[in-house]
Amino acid sequence: RPAQALAEEAEGAALLVVGSHGHGAVRRALLGSVSHAMLHHAPCPLALVRGDGSEH
C-alpha cells in the first residue's frame, strides 16, 4: 500500500511534502487517496501541495 510505505519512509523526517490532484470527495471515497491518508496518518509534519491542473 503506497500510503503505508510512505508513512514508514517518513518516520523521523522533519517534513513530508505530498502532492494532490484535487479529484474531490467522491473519487477519493471510491479510489482512496495517498494524500488523504497522509493527512490523517503522517508520522511527521505534512505539507500538502495541490496542483492547479495545468500539467495535464
C-alpha atoms as a PDB file:
ATOM      1  CA  ARG A   1       0.000   0.000   0.000  1.00  0.00           C
ATOM      2  CA  PRO A   2       1.537   3.313  -1.060  1.00  0.00           C
ATOM      3  CA  ALA A   3       0.346   5.337   1.943  1.00  0.00           C
ATOM      4  CA  GLN A   4       1.723   2.819   4.424  1.00  0.00           C
ATOM      5  CA  ALA A   5       5.068   2.643   2.619  1.00  0.00           C
ATOM      6  CA  LEU A   6       5.296   6.439   2.518  1.00  0.00           C
ATOM      7  CA  ALA A   7       4.477   6.700   6.225  1.00  0.00           C
ATOM      8  CA  GLU A   8       7.192   4.173   7.063  1.00  0.00           C
ATOM      9  CA  GLU A   9       9.768   6.065   4.983  1.00  0.00           C
ATOM     10  CA  ALA A  10       8.740   9.373   6.579  1.00  0.00           C
ATOM     11  CA  GLU A  11       9.437   8.191  10.138  1.00  0.00           C
ATOM     12  CA  GLY A  12      11.802  10.717  11.695  1.00  0.00           C
ATOM     13  CA  ALA A  13      11.522  13.171   8.793  1.00  0.00           C
ATOM     14  CA  ALA A  14      11.351  16.889   9.530  1.00  0.00           C
ATOM     15  CA  LEU A  15       8.672  17.415   6.861  1.00  0.00           C
ATOM     16  CA  LEU A  16       6.742  15.325   4.338  1.00  0.00           C
ATOM     17  CA  VAL A  17       5.612  17.072   1.139  1.00  0.00           C
ATOM     18  CA  VAL A  18       2.804  15.316  -0.746  1.00  0.00           C
ATOM     19  CA  GLY A  19       1.113  16.406  -3.957  1.00  0.00           C
ATOM     20  CA  SER A  20      -2.623  16.194  -4.528  1.00  0.00           C
ATOM     21  CA  HIS A  21      -4.558  16.120  -7.778  1.00  0.00           C
ATOM     22  CA  GLY A  22      -7.650  17.538  -6.073  1.00  0.00           C
ATOM     23  CA  HIS A  23     -10.064  14.997  -7.562  1.00  0.00           C
ATOM     24  CA  GLY A  24     -12.766  15.588  -4.965  1.00  0.00           C
ATOM     25  CA  ALA A  25     -14.578  13.633  -2.293  1.00  0.00           C
ATOM     26  CA  VAL A  26     -16.439  11.145  -4.490  1.00  0.00           C
ATOM     27  CA  ARG A  27     -13.377   9.912  -6.341  1.00  0.00           C
ATOM     28  CA  ARG A  28     -11.322   9.850  -3.128  1.00  0.00           C
ATOM     29  CA  ALA A  29     -14.010   7.734  -1.437  1.00  0.00           C
ATOM     30  CA  LEU A  30     -14.081   5.273  -4.325  1.00  0.00           C
ATOM     31  CA  LEU A  31     -10.383   5.038  -5.153  1.00  0.00           C
ATOM     32  CA  GLY A  32      -8.624   6.084  -1.979  1.00  0.00           C
ATOM     33  CA  SER A  33      -6.019   8.803  -1.808  1.00  0.00           C
ATOM     34  CA  VAL A  34      -2.437   8.700  -0.624  1.00  0.00           C
ATOM     35  CA  SER A  35      -2.517  12.407   0.196  1.00  0.00           C
ATOM     36  CA  HIS A  36      -5.765  11.994   2.171  1.00  0.00           C
ATOM     37  CA  ALA A  37      -4.293   9.079   4.122  1.00  0.00           C
ATOM     38  CA  MET A  38      -1.124  11.045   4.855  1.00  0.00           C
ATOM     39  CA  LEU A  39      -3.205  13.989   6.047  1.00  0.00           C
ATOM     40  CA  HIS A  40      -4.543  11.764   8.816  1.00  0.00           C
ATOM     41  CA  HIS A  41      -1.624   9.394   9.454  1.00  0.00           C
ATOM     42  CA  ALA A  42       1.656  11.143   8.637  1.00  0.00           C
ATOM     43  CA  PRO A  43       4.285  10.471  11.299  1.00  0.00           C
ATOM     44  CA  CYS A  44       5.710  13.994  10.879  1.00  0.00           C
ATOM     45  CA  PRO A  45       4.579  17.471   9.812  1.00  0.00           C
ATOM     46  CA  LEU A  46       2.919  17.437   6.388  1.00  0.00           C
ATOM     47  CA  ALA A  47       2.785  19.969   3.552  1.00  0.00           C
ATOM     48  CA  LEU A  48       0.022  19.111   1.098  1.00  0.00           C
ATOM     49  CA  VAL A  49       0.512  20.786  -2.294  1.00  0.00           C
ATOM     50  CA  ARG A  50      -2.478  20.878  -4.601  1.00  0.00           C
ATOM     51  CA  GLY A  51      -1.861  21.042  -8.344  1.00  0.00           C
ATOM     52  CA  ASP A  52      -3.745  23.545 -10.478  1.00  0.00           C
ATOM     53  CA  GLY A  53      -4.353  21.056 -13.292  1.00  0.00           C
ATOM     54  CA  SER A  54      -2.200  22.908 -15.810  1.00  0.00           C
ATOM     55  CA  GLU A  55       0.209  19.984 -16.150  1.00  0.00           C
ATOM     56  CA  HIS A  56      -2.448  17.811 -17.822  1.00  0.00           C
END
